[in-house]
Amino acid sequence: MKKLSIILLSVLLAACGKTLERPEHIQASMIPVSTKTMESEFYNFKMKDLDGNEVDFNQFKGKKVLVVNVASKCGYTPQYAALQELHENYGDKIQILAFPANNFGGQEPGSNEEIKEFCSANYGVTFPVFEKISVKGFDKHPLYRWLSDEKLNGWNSQEPTWNFCKYYINENGELMKFFPSAVAPLDEEILALVEA
């Protein structure tokens, strides 16, 4: 039966002008071109902030980084205030990078301009907030593919489970820790990492 299926698939592909290749070739051909970026280390990423300016992650070398997926209409949205406090008190030791995403409960429906206005008016955010991206699913941004694929980052396969999940990256660009949404930005464990 399996052999018959392969023969039928070969016939169908031949009718379309294609050939049946070994599975590993098929899988390789299905990998998007952006995989090159995904396989790169953290500092090779370049992304646009809410103003459309390209931010080269290379500038974060030698600094601890906290990557957070954020949303404006979430129960965890008040964490923006704690993130801003962390930025104001420890900005010389850790860089906060916020990534708005509409992946959970449609809680970030706004445009980049609306998100920028919301962050400024409600929380006085001065740390970098980037253009809205997808942090899970088929259209997951390459940065979040790197953060949540152990083959790319070395150990972690945990993708965000909700808004305001946090990934801690050390001064060498190595992903070291994942924190779920309920862990506040000023949690003792995060502060210990910042101050270490």
N, C-alpha and C. Protein backbone atom coordinates (compact mmCIF):
# COMPACT_ATOMS: atom_id res chain seq x y z
N MET A 1 0.83 -1.20 0.00
CA MET A 1 0.00 0.00 0.00
C MET A 1 0.87 1.26 0.00
N LYS A 2 1.94 1.24 0.84
CA LYS A 2 2.85 2.38 0.92
C LYS A 2 3.54 2.61 -0.42
N LYS A 3 3.94 1.49 -1.06
CA LYS A 3 4.62 1.56 -2.36
C LYS A 3 3.68 2.15 -3.40
N LEU A 4 2.41 1.71 -3.37
CA LEU A 4 1.40 2.20 -4.30
C LEU A 4 1.20 3.71 -4.13
N SER A 5 1.17 4.17 -2.87
CA SER A 5 1.02 5.60 -2.58
C SER A 5 2.17 6.40 -3.17
N ILE A 6 3.38 5.87 -3.03
CA ILE A 6 4.57 6.56 -3.56
C ILE A 6 4.51 6.62 -5.08
N ILE A 7 4.07 5.51 -5.71
CA ILE A 7 3.95 5.47 -7.17
C ILE A 7 2.92 6.48 -7.64
N LEU A 8 1.76 6.51 -6.96
CA LEU A 8 0.71 7.47 -7.32
C LEU A 8 1.18 8.91 -7.15
N LEU A 9 1.90 9.18 -6.07
CA LEU A 9 2.44 10.52 -5.84
C LEU A 9 3.43 10.89 -6.93
N SER A 10 4.26 9.93 -7.33
CA SER A 10 5.24 10.16 -8.39
C SER A 10 4.55 10.50 -9.70
N VAL A 11 3.47 9.77 -10.01
CA VAL A 11 2.71 10.01 -11.24
C VAL A 11 2.08 11.39 -11.21
N LEU A 12 1.49 11.76 -10.08
CA LEU A 12 0.87 13.08 -9.95
C LEU A 12 1.90 14.19 -10.10
N LEU A 13 3.05 14.02 -9.45
CA LEU A 13 4.10 15.03 -9.54
C LEU A 13 4.64 15.12 -10.96
N ALA A 14 4.77 13.98 -11.63
CA ALA A 14 5.27 13.96 -13.01
C ALA A 14 4.30 14.72 -13.92
N ALA A 15 3.00 14.56 -13.66
CA ALA A 15 1.99 15.27 -14.46
C ALA A 15 2.12 16.77 -14.29
N CYS A 16 2.63 17.18 -13.14
CA CYS A 16 2.83 18.62 -12.87
C CYS A 16 4.23 19.08 -13.26
N GLY A 17 5.01 18.16 -13.82
CA GLY A 17 6.38 18.51 -14.21
C GLY A 17 7.36 18.50 -13.06
N LYS A 18 7.05 17.80 -11.99
CA LYS A 18 7.93 17.73 -10.82
C LYS A 18 8.43 16.30 -10.65
N THR A 19 9.46 16.14 -9.86
CA THR A 19 9.95 14.80 -9.55
C THR A 19 9.88 14.56 -8.06
N LEU A 20 9.76 13.31 -7.67
CA LEU A 20 9.71 12.95 -6.26
C LEU A 20 11.13 12.78 -5.76
N GLU A 21 11.50 13.60 -4.79
CA GLU A 21 12.85 13.51 -4.23
C GLU A 21 12.80 12.84 -2.87
N ARG A 22 13.95 12.54 -2.33
CA ARG A 22 14.02 11.98 -0.99
C ARG A 22 13.43 12.97 0.01
N PRO A 23 12.81 12.50 1.10
CA PRO A 23 12.15 13.39 2.07
C PRO A 23 13.04 14.52 2.56
N GLU A 24 14.33 14.27 2.79
CA GLU A 24 15.17 15.34 3.32
C GLU A 24 15.31 16.48 2.31
N HIS A 25 15.27 16.14 1.01
CA HIS A 25 15.34 17.19 -0.01
C HIS A 25 14.05 17.99 -0.03
N ILE A 26 12.94 17.28 0.11
CA ILE A 26 11.65 17.97 0.12
C ILE A 26 11.59 18.91 1.32
N GLN A 27 12.00 18.42 2.48
CA GLN A 27 11.96 19.26 3.68
C GLN A 27 12.88 20.47 3.52
N ALA A 28 14.06 20.27 2.98
CA ALA A 28 14.99 21.38 2.81
C ALA A 28 14.41 22.43 1.87
N SER A 29 13.70 21.97 0.83
CA SER A 29 13.15 22.93 -0.13
C SER A 29 11.99 23.72 0.46
N MET A 30 11.40 23.19 1.55
CA MET A 30 10.28 23.88 2.17
C MET A 30 10.72 24.91 3.21
N ILE A 31 12.00 24.93 3.56
CA ILE A 31 12.49 25.87 4.56
C ILE A 31 12.59 27.25 3.94
N PRO A 32 12.00 28.28 4.57
CA PRO A 32 12.05 29.62 4.00
C PRO A 32 13.47 30.18 3.91
N VAL A 33 13.64 31.12 2.99
CA VAL A 33 14.95 31.74 2.78
C VAL A 33 15.46 32.38 4.06
N SER A 34 14.55 32.89 4.90
CA SER A 34 14.96 33.60 6.12
C SER A 34 15.61 32.69 7.15
N THR A 35 15.67 31.38 6.89
CA THR A 35 16.29 30.45 7.83
C THR A 35 17.72 30.86 8.13
N LYS A 36 18.40 31.45 7.15
CA LYS A 36 19.77 31.87 7.35
C LYS A 36 19.86 32.81 8.56
N THR A 37 18.88 33.73 8.67
CA THR A 37 18.84 34.64 9.80
C THR A 37 18.53 33.88 11.09
N MET A 38 17.60 32.91 11.01
CA MET A 38 17.18 32.18 12.20
C MET A 38 18.34 31.40 12.80
N GLU A 39 19.23 30.91 11.96
CA GLU A 39 20.33 30.10 12.45
C GLU A 39 21.47 30.96 12.98
N SER A 40 21.41 32.26 12.75
CA SER A 40 22.45 33.16 13.20
C SER A 40 22.30 33.41 14.69
N GLU A 41 23.34 33.90 15.29
CA GLU A 41 23.26 34.23 16.70
C GLU A 41 22.42 35.49 16.90
N PHE A 42 22.07 35.76 18.13
CA PHE A 42 21.20 36.88 18.50
C PHE A 42 21.65 38.21 17.90
N TYR A 43 22.95 38.46 17.89
CA TYR A 43 23.45 39.76 17.43
C TYR A 43 23.32 39.99 15.93
N ASN A 44 22.95 38.98 15.19
CA ASN A 44 22.80 39.15 13.74
C ASN A 44 21.42 39.66 13.34
N PHE A 45 20.50 39.76 14.30
CA PHE A 45 19.17 40.26 13.96
C PHE A 45 19.18 41.77 13.76
N LYS A 46 18.34 42.21 12.82
CA LYS A 46 18.09 43.63 12.59
C LYS A 46 16.58 43.76 12.44
N MET A 47 15.98 44.62 13.27
CA MET A 47 14.53 44.77 13.24
C MET A 47 14.15 46.24 13.34
N LYS A 48 12.94 46.57 12.89
CA LYS A 48 12.49 47.96 12.90
C LYS A 48 11.72 48.28 14.17
N ASP A 49 12.00 49.46 14.72
CA ASP A 49 11.25 49.91 15.90
C ASP A 49 9.94 50.55 15.44
N LEU A 50 9.16 51.07 16.39
CA LEU A 50 7.85 51.64 16.06
C LEU A 50 7.93 52.87 15.15
N ASP A 51 9.10 53.50 15.08
CA ASP A 51 9.28 54.65 14.18
C ASP A 51 9.78 54.22 12.80
N GLY A 52 9.99 52.92 12.62
CA GLY A 52 10.47 52.42 11.34
C GLY A 52 11.98 52.45 11.19
N ASN A 53 12.68 52.78 12.29
CA ASN A 53 14.14 52.79 12.26
C ASN A 53 14.68 51.38 12.46
N GLU A 54 15.68 51.01 11.65
CA GLU A 54 16.27 49.68 11.81
C GLU A 54 17.21 49.66 13.01
N VAL A 55 17.02 48.66 13.85
CA VAL A 55 17.85 48.48 15.04
C VAL A 55 18.72 47.25 14.83
N ASP A 56 20.02 47.45 14.86
CA ASP A 56 20.98 46.36 14.69
C ASP A 56 21.30 45.79 16.07
N PHE A 57 20.96 44.53 16.29
CA PHE A 57 21.17 43.91 17.60
C PHE A 57 22.64 43.78 17.97
N ASN A 58 23.51 43.99 17.02
CA ASN A 58 24.94 43.96 17.27
C ASN A 58 25.33 44.98 18.35
N GLN A 59 24.52 46.06 18.44
CA GLN A 59 24.81 47.11 19.43
C GLN A 59 24.59 46.65 20.87
N PHE A 60 23.94 45.48 21.06
CA PHE A 60 23.68 44.99 22.41
C PHE A 60 24.76 44.04 22.92
N LYS A 61 25.82 43.87 22.15
CA LYS A 61 26.93 43.01 22.60
C LYS A 61 27.47 43.53 23.91
N GLY A 62 27.74 42.60 24.84
CA GLY A 62 28.29 42.98 26.13
C GLY A 62 27.25 43.44 27.13
N LYS A 63 25.96 43.39 26.74
CA LYS A 63 24.88 43.84 27.63
C LYS A 63 23.86 42.73 27.81
N LYS A 64 23.30 42.63 29.00
CA LYS A 64 22.21 41.69 29.25
C LYS A 64 20.97 42.23 28.56
N VAL A 65 20.11 41.32 28.08
CA VAL A 65 18.91 41.72 27.34
C VAL A 65 17.71 40.94 27.85
N LEU A 66 16.57 41.64 27.95
CA LEU A 66 15.30 41.01 28.29
C LEU A 66 14.35 41.24 27.12
N VAL A 67 13.98 40.17 26.43
CA VAL A 67 13.07 40.23 25.29
C VAL A 67 11.67 39.90 25.80
N VAL A 68 10.70 40.77 25.50
CA VAL A 68 9.34 40.60 26.02
C VAL A 68 8.32 40.79 24.91
N ASN A 69 7.38 39.85 24.77
CA ASN A 69 6.27 40.06 23.84
C ASN A 69 5.15 40.78 24.60
N VAL A 70 4.73 41.91 24.08
CA VAL A 70 3.81 42.79 24.81
C VAL A 70 2.48 42.97 24.08
N ALA A 71 1.48 43.47 24.81
CA ALA A 71 0.16 43.74 24.25
C ALA A 71 -0.51 44.84 25.08
N SER A 72 -1.36 45.63 24.43
CA SER A 72 -1.98 46.80 25.07
C SER A 72 -3.26 46.51 25.83
N LYS A 73 -3.90 45.38 25.55
CA LYS A 73 -5.21 45.11 26.16
C LYS A 73 -5.22 43.80 26.93
N CYS A 74 -4.17 43.56 27.67
CA CYS A 74 -3.99 42.29 28.39
C CYS A 74 -4.03 42.55 29.90
N GLY A 75 -4.37 41.54 30.65
CA GLY A 75 -4.33 41.66 32.11
C GLY A 75 -2.92 41.93 32.62
N TYR A 76 -1.92 41.56 31.82
CA TYR A 76 -0.53 41.79 32.20
C TYR A 76 0.02 43.13 31.67
N THR A 77 -0.79 43.89 30.96
CA THR A 77 -0.33 45.16 30.38
C THR A 77 0.29 46.10 31.41
N PRO A 78 -0.19 46.15 32.67
CA PRO A 78 0.46 47.00 33.66
C PRO A 78 1.94 46.67 33.88
N GLN A 79 2.41 45.52 33.39
CA GLN A 79 3.84 45.21 33.49
C GLN A 79 4.69 46.21 32.71
N TYR A 80 4.08 46.95 31.80
CA TYR A 80 4.81 48.02 31.10
C TYR A 80 5.45 48.96 32.13
N ALA A 81 4.71 49.27 33.20
CA ALA A 81 5.22 50.18 34.23
C ALA A 81 6.45 49.60 34.90
N ALA A 82 6.41 48.31 35.22
CA ALA A 82 7.55 47.66 35.86
C ALA A 82 8.72 47.53 34.89
N LEU A 83 8.44 47.30 33.62
CA LEU A 83 9.51 47.25 32.61
C LEU A 83 10.19 48.61 32.51
N GLN A 84 9.38 49.68 32.55
CA GLN A 84 9.95 51.03 32.49
C GLN A 84 10.80 51.31 33.74
N GLU A 85 10.32 50.85 34.89
CA GLU A 85 11.08 51.03 36.13
C GLU A 85 12.40 50.26 36.07
N LEU A 86 12.35 49.04 35.53
CA LEU A 86 13.56 48.24 35.37
C LEU A 86 14.54 48.96 34.44
N HIS A 87 14.00 49.53 33.38
CA HIS A 87 14.82 50.28 32.42
C HIS A 87 15.46 51.51 33.08
N GLU A 88 14.68 52.24 33.85
CA GLU A 88 15.19 53.47 34.50
C GLU A 88 16.23 53.15 35.57
N ASN A 89 16.01 52.07 36.32
CA ASN A 89 16.91 51.75 37.42
C ASN A 89 18.13 50.92 37.03
N TYR A 90 17.99 50.13 35.95
CA TYR A 90 19.08 49.22 35.58
C TYR A 90 19.44 49.29 34.09
N GLY A 91 19.07 50.37 33.44
CA GLY A 91 19.32 50.51 32.01
C GLY A 91 20.78 50.41 31.62
N ASP A 92 21.66 50.65 32.58
CA ASP A 92 23.10 50.53 32.29
C ASP A 92 23.54 49.07 32.33
N LYS A 93 22.69 48.18 32.88
CA LYS A 93 23.06 46.76 33.02
C LYS A 93 22.25 45.84 32.11
N ILE A 94 21.02 46.23 31.80
CA ILE A 94 20.15 45.37 30.99
C ILE A 94 19.37 46.20 29.98
N GLN A 95 19.22 45.65 28.78
CA GLN A 95 18.46 46.30 27.72
C GLN A 95 17.13 45.57 27.57
N ILE A 96 16.03 46.31 27.65
CA ILE A 96 14.71 45.73 27.44
C ILE A 96 14.31 45.95 25.99
N LEU A 97 13.85 44.88 25.35
CA LEU A 97 13.37 44.95 23.97
C LEU A 97 11.95 44.41 23.95
N ALA A 98 10.98 45.26 23.59
CA ALA A 98 9.57 44.87 23.62
C ALA A 98 9.04 44.65 22.21
N PHE A 99 8.28 43.56 22.05
CA PHE A 99 7.76 43.19 20.74
C PHE A 99 6.25 43.00 20.81
N PRO A 100 5.49 44.01 20.38
CA PRO A 100 4.03 43.88 20.35
C PRO A 100 3.62 42.73 19.44
N ALA A 101 2.64 41.96 19.90
CA ALA A 101 2.15 40.82 19.12
C ALA A 101 0.66 40.62 19.41
N ASN A 102 -0.07 40.22 18.38
CA ASN A 102 -1.51 40.03 18.51
C ASN A 102 -1.87 38.54 18.54
N ASN A 103 -0.97 37.71 19.03
CA ASN A 103 -1.15 36.26 18.99
C ASN A 103 -2.05 35.69 20.07
N PHE A 104 -2.29 36.45 21.12
CA PHE A 104 -3.03 35.90 22.26
C PHE A 104 -4.29 36.72 22.54
N GLY A 105 -5.42 36.14 22.23
CA GLY A 105 -6.71 36.77 22.53
C GLY A 105 -6.97 38.06 21.78
N GLY A 106 -6.26 38.32 20.69
CA GLY A 106 -6.45 39.56 19.93
C GLY A 106 -6.22 40.79 20.79
N GLN A 107 -5.26 40.70 21.73
CA GLN A 107 -5.08 41.77 22.72
C GLN A 107 -4.09 42.85 22.30
N GLU A 108 -3.61 42.78 21.04
CA GLU A 108 -2.81 43.87 20.48
C GLU A 108 -3.30 44.16 19.07
N PRO A 109 -4.52 44.72 18.97
CA PRO A 109 -5.11 44.96 17.65
C PRO A 109 -4.62 46.23 16.95
N GLY A 110 -3.97 47.12 17.70
CA GLY A 110 -3.61 48.43 17.17
C GLY A 110 -2.51 48.43 16.13
N SER A 111 -2.41 49.55 15.41
CA SER A 111 -1.34 49.76 14.45
C SER A 111 -0.07 50.12 15.22
N ASN A 112 1.05 50.17 14.53
CA ASN A 112 2.31 50.56 15.18
C ASN A 112 2.20 51.96 15.78
N GLU A 113 1.55 52.86 15.07
CA GLU A 113 1.37 54.24 15.58
C GLU A 113 0.52 54.24 16.84
N GLU A 114 -0.55 53.46 16.85
CA GLU A 114 -1.43 53.39 18.03
C GLU A 114 -0.69 52.78 19.22
N ILE A 115 0.12 51.76 18.95
CA ILE A 115 0.89 51.13 20.02
C ILE A 115 1.89 52.13 20.61
N LYS A 116 2.54 52.88 19.75
CA LYS A 116 3.51 53.89 20.21
C LYS A 116 2.83 54.93 21.10
N GLU A 117 1.68 55.40 20.66
CA GLU A 117 0.92 56.40 21.43
C GLU A 117 0.49 55.82 22.77
N PHE A 118 0.01 54.58 22.77
CA PHE A 118 -0.43 53.92 23.99
C PHE A 118 0.71 53.80 24.99
N CYS A 119 1.85 53.33 24.54
CA CYS A 119 3.00 53.13 25.43
C CYS A 119 3.48 54.45 26.03
N SER A 120 3.51 55.47 25.21
CA SER A 120 3.99 56.78 25.66
C SER A 120 3.00 57.43 26.63
N ALA A 121 1.73 57.47 26.24
CA ALA A 121 0.70 58.16 27.03
C ALA A 121 0.41 57.46 28.35
N ASN A 122 0.41 56.14 28.36
CA ASN A 122 0.01 55.41 29.56
C ASN A 122 1.15 55.00 30.48
N TYR A 123 2.33 54.78 29.90
CA TYR A 123 3.43 54.25 30.72
C TYR A 123 4.75 55.00 30.56
N GLY A 124 4.78 56.02 29.72
CA GLY A 124 6.01 56.79 29.53
C GLY A 124 7.18 55.94 29.10
N VAL A 125 6.91 54.94 28.25
CA VAL A 125 7.94 53.98 27.84
C VAL A 125 9.07 54.66 27.06
N THR A 126 10.30 54.41 27.49
CA THR A 126 11.47 54.95 26.80
C THR A 126 12.42 53.85 26.32
N PHE A 127 12.14 52.58 26.66
CA PHE A 127 12.95 51.49 26.13
C PHE A 127 12.44 51.14 24.72
N PRO A 128 13.25 50.45 23.91
CA PRO A 128 12.84 50.15 22.54
C PRO A 128 11.61 49.24 22.44
N VAL A 129 10.63 49.73 21.67
CA VAL A 129 9.46 48.93 21.33
C VAL A 129 9.48 48.78 19.81
N PHE A 130 9.33 47.56 19.34
CA PHE A 130 9.48 47.28 17.92
C PHE A 130 8.14 47.17 17.20
N GLU A 131 8.22 47.13 15.87
CA GLU A 131 7.01 46.95 15.07
C GLU A 131 6.33 45.64 15.47
N LYS A 132 5.02 45.62 15.30
CA LYS A 132 4.24 44.44 15.67
C LYS A 132 4.66 43.24 14.82
N ILE A 133 4.84 42.10 15.49
CA ILE A 133 5.23 40.87 14.82
C ILE A 133 4.37 39.71 15.33
N SER A 134 4.59 38.53 14.77
CA SER A 134 3.97 37.31 15.28
C SER A 134 5.03 36.56 16.08
N VAL A 135 4.65 36.08 17.27
CA VAL A 135 5.61 35.40 18.13
C VAL A 135 5.36 33.89 18.23
N LYS A 136 4.34 33.41 17.52
CA LYS A 136 4.07 31.97 17.47
C LYS A 136 3.27 31.66 16.22
N GLY A 137 3.21 30.38 15.88
CA GLY A 137 2.43 29.98 14.71
C GLY A 137 3.26 29.95 13.44
N PHE A 138 2.57 29.74 12.31
CA PHE A 138 3.25 29.56 11.02
C PHE A 138 4.01 30.80 10.58
N ASP A 139 3.57 31.97 11.03
CA ASP A 139 4.23 33.23 10.61
C ASP A 139 5.13 33.80 11.71
N LYS A 140 5.55 32.94 12.63
CA LYS A 140 6.42 33.37 13.73
C LYS A 140 7.66 34.07 13.18
N HIS A 141 7.97 35.22 13.78
CA HIS A 141 9.14 35.99 13.34
C HIS A 141 10.42 35.19 13.60
N PRO A 142 11.44 35.33 12.73
CA PRO A 142 12.70 34.61 12.92
C PRO A 142 13.33 34.79 14.31
N LEU A 143 13.18 35.98 14.92
CA LEU A 143 13.73 36.17 16.27
C LEU A 143 13.08 35.19 17.23
N TYR A 144 11.76 35.06 17.16
CA TYR A 144 11.06 34.15 18.07
C TYR A 144 11.25 32.69 17.69
N ARG A 145 11.57 32.43 16.44
CA ARG A 145 11.96 31.07 16.07
C ARG A 145 13.28 30.73 16.77
N TRP A 146 14.21 31.68 16.75
CA TRP A 146 15.50 31.48 17.42
C TRP A 146 15.30 31.29 18.92
N LEU A 147 14.45 32.10 19.52
CA LEU A 147 14.21 32.04 20.97
C LEU A 147 13.55 30.73 21.40
N SER A 148 12.75 30.13 20.52
CA SER A 148 11.94 28.97 20.94
C SER A 148 12.27 27.67 20.20
N ASP A 149 13.41 27.61 19.54
CA ASP A 149 13.82 26.38 18.87
C ASP A 149 15.18 25.96 19.40
N GLU A 150 15.20 24.85 20.14
CA GLU A 150 16.45 24.42 20.78
C GLU A 150 17.56 24.13 19.79
N LYS A 151 17.20 23.80 18.54
CA LYS A 151 18.23 23.56 17.53
C LYS A 151 18.93 24.85 17.14
N LEU A 152 18.24 25.97 17.34
CA LEU A 152 18.81 27.27 16.97
C LEU A 152 19.47 27.98 18.15
N ASN A 153 18.87 27.87 19.35
CA ASN A 153 19.41 28.61 20.50
C ASN A 153 20.21 27.74 21.46
N GLY A 154 20.20 26.41 21.23
CA GLY A 154 21.02 25.53 22.05
C GLY A 154 20.32 24.73 23.13
N TRP A 155 19.13 25.20 23.60
CA TRP A 155 18.49 24.44 24.69
C TRP A 155 16.99 24.67 24.85
N ASN A 156 16.46 25.82 24.47
CA ASN A 156 15.07 26.14 24.81
C ASN A 156 14.10 25.90 23.65
N SER A 157 12.97 25.23 23.96
CA SER A 157 11.93 25.04 22.95
C SER A 157 10.62 25.68 23.40
N GLN A 158 10.67 26.46 24.47
CA GLN A 158 9.47 27.09 25.01
C GLN A 158 9.15 28.39 24.26
N GLU A 159 8.01 28.40 23.56
CA GLU A 159 7.58 29.64 22.92
C GLU A 159 6.65 30.37 23.88
N PRO A 160 6.35 31.63 23.61
CA PRO A 160 5.46 32.36 24.53
C PRO A 160 4.13 31.64 24.70
N THR A 161 3.66 31.61 25.94
CA THR A 161 2.37 30.99 26.24
C THR A 161 1.26 32.03 26.34
N TRP A 162 1.66 33.30 26.49
CA TRP A 162 0.72 34.42 26.55
C TRP A 162 1.53 35.70 26.39
N ASN A 163 0.88 36.84 26.48
CA ASN A 163 1.58 38.12 26.42
C ASN A 163 2.49 38.29 27.64
N PHE A 164 3.55 39.03 27.47
CA PHE A 164 4.51 39.38 28.52
C PHE A 164 5.34 38.19 29.04
N CYS A 165 5.61 37.23 28.15
CA CYS A 165 6.63 36.22 28.46
C CYS A 165 7.98 36.89 28.25
N LYS A 166 8.98 36.42 28.97
CA LYS A 166 10.29 37.08 28.95
C LYS A 166 11.41 36.08 28.68
N TYR A 167 12.34 36.51 27.84
CA TYR A 167 13.54 35.71 27.55
C TYR A 167 14.75 36.53 27.98
N TYR A 168 15.58 35.92 28.81
CA TYR A 168 16.79 36.59 29.29
C TYR A 168 17.99 36.11 28.49
N ILE A 169 18.74 37.05 27.94
CA ILE A 169 19.93 36.77 27.13
C ILE A 169 21.12 37.42 27.81
N ASN A 170 22.21 36.67 27.97
CA ASN A 170 23.38 37.21 28.69
C ASN A 170 24.24 38.11 27.81
N GLU A 171 25.33 38.58 28.38
CA GLU A 171 26.21 39.54 27.70
C GLU A 171 26.88 38.98 26.45
N ASN A 172 26.85 37.66 26.30
CA ASN A 172 27.46 37.02 25.13
C ASN A 172 26.44 36.63 24.06
N GLY A 173 25.20 37.09 24.24
CA GLY A 173 24.16 36.78 23.26
C GLY A 173 23.60 35.39 23.38
N GLU A 174 23.80 34.75 24.56
CA GLU A 174 23.30 33.39 24.78
C GLU A 174 21.98 33.44 25.53
N LEU A 175 20.99 32.73 25.01
CA LEU A 175 19.71 32.62 25.70
C LEU A 175 19.91 31.80 26.95
N MET A 176 19.54 32.37 28.10
CA MET A 176 19.81 31.72 29.38
C MET A 176 18.55 31.30 30.15
N LYS A 177 17.44 32.02 29.95
CA LYS A 177 16.28 31.78 30.81
C LYS A 177 14.99 32.21 30.13
N PHE A 178 13.92 31.47 30.39
CA PHE A 178 12.58 31.83 29.95
C PHE A 178 11.73 32.08 31.19
N PHE A 179 10.97 33.18 31.18
CA PHE A 179 10.06 33.48 32.28
C PHE A 179 8.64 33.61 31.73
N PRO A 180 7.66 32.91 32.30
CA PRO A 180 6.28 33.06 31.86
C PRO A 180 5.72 34.43 32.25
N SER A 181 4.56 34.74 31.71
CA SER A 181 3.92 36.05 31.90
C SER A 181 3.79 36.46 33.36
N ALA A 182 3.45 35.51 34.22
CA ALA A 182 3.18 35.82 35.62
C ALA A 182 4.41 36.29 36.39
N VAL A 183 5.60 36.05 35.86
CA VAL A 183 6.82 36.52 36.53
C VAL A 183 6.99 37.99 36.19
N ALA A 184 6.91 38.84 37.20
CA ALA A 184 6.97 40.29 37.01
C ALA A 184 8.38 40.73 36.63
N PRO A 185 8.50 41.83 35.87
CA PRO A 185 9.82 42.33 35.47
C PRO A 185 10.74 42.64 36.65
N LEU A 186 10.18 42.98 37.82
CA LEU A 186 11.00 43.29 38.98
C LEU A 186 11.07 42.12 39.97
N ASP A 187 10.76 40.93 39.48
CA ASP A 187 10.85 39.73 40.29
C ASP A 187 12.29 39.54 40.77
N GLU A 188 12.43 38.98 41.97
CA GLU A 188 13.77 38.78 42.57
C GLU A 188 14.71 37.99 41.66
N GLU A 189 14.16 36.99 40.96
CA GLU A 189 15.01 36.17 40.10
C GLU A 189 15.57 36.98 38.92
N ILE A 190 14.72 37.83 38.35
CA ILE A 190 15.18 38.69 37.25
C ILE A 190 16.20 39.70 37.77
N LEU A 191 15.91 40.32 38.91
CA LEU A 191 16.85 41.31 39.47
C LEU A 191 18.18 40.67 39.82
N ALA A 192 18.15 39.43 40.29
CA ALA A 192 19.40 38.73 40.62
C ALA A 192 20.25 38.54 39.38
N LEU A 193 19.61 38.23 38.26
CA LEU A 193 20.33 38.07 36.99
C LEU A 193 20.91 39.39 36.52
N VAL A 194 20.14 40.46 36.69
CA VAL A 194 20.57 41.79 36.28
C VAL A 194 21.79 42.23 37.09
N GLU A 195 21.73 41.98 38.39
CA GLU A 195 22.77 42.46 39.28
C GLU A 195 23.99 41.55 39.35
N ALA A 196 23.88 40.33 38.83
CA ALA A 196 25.00 39.37 38.91
C ALA A 196 26.21 39.85 38.12
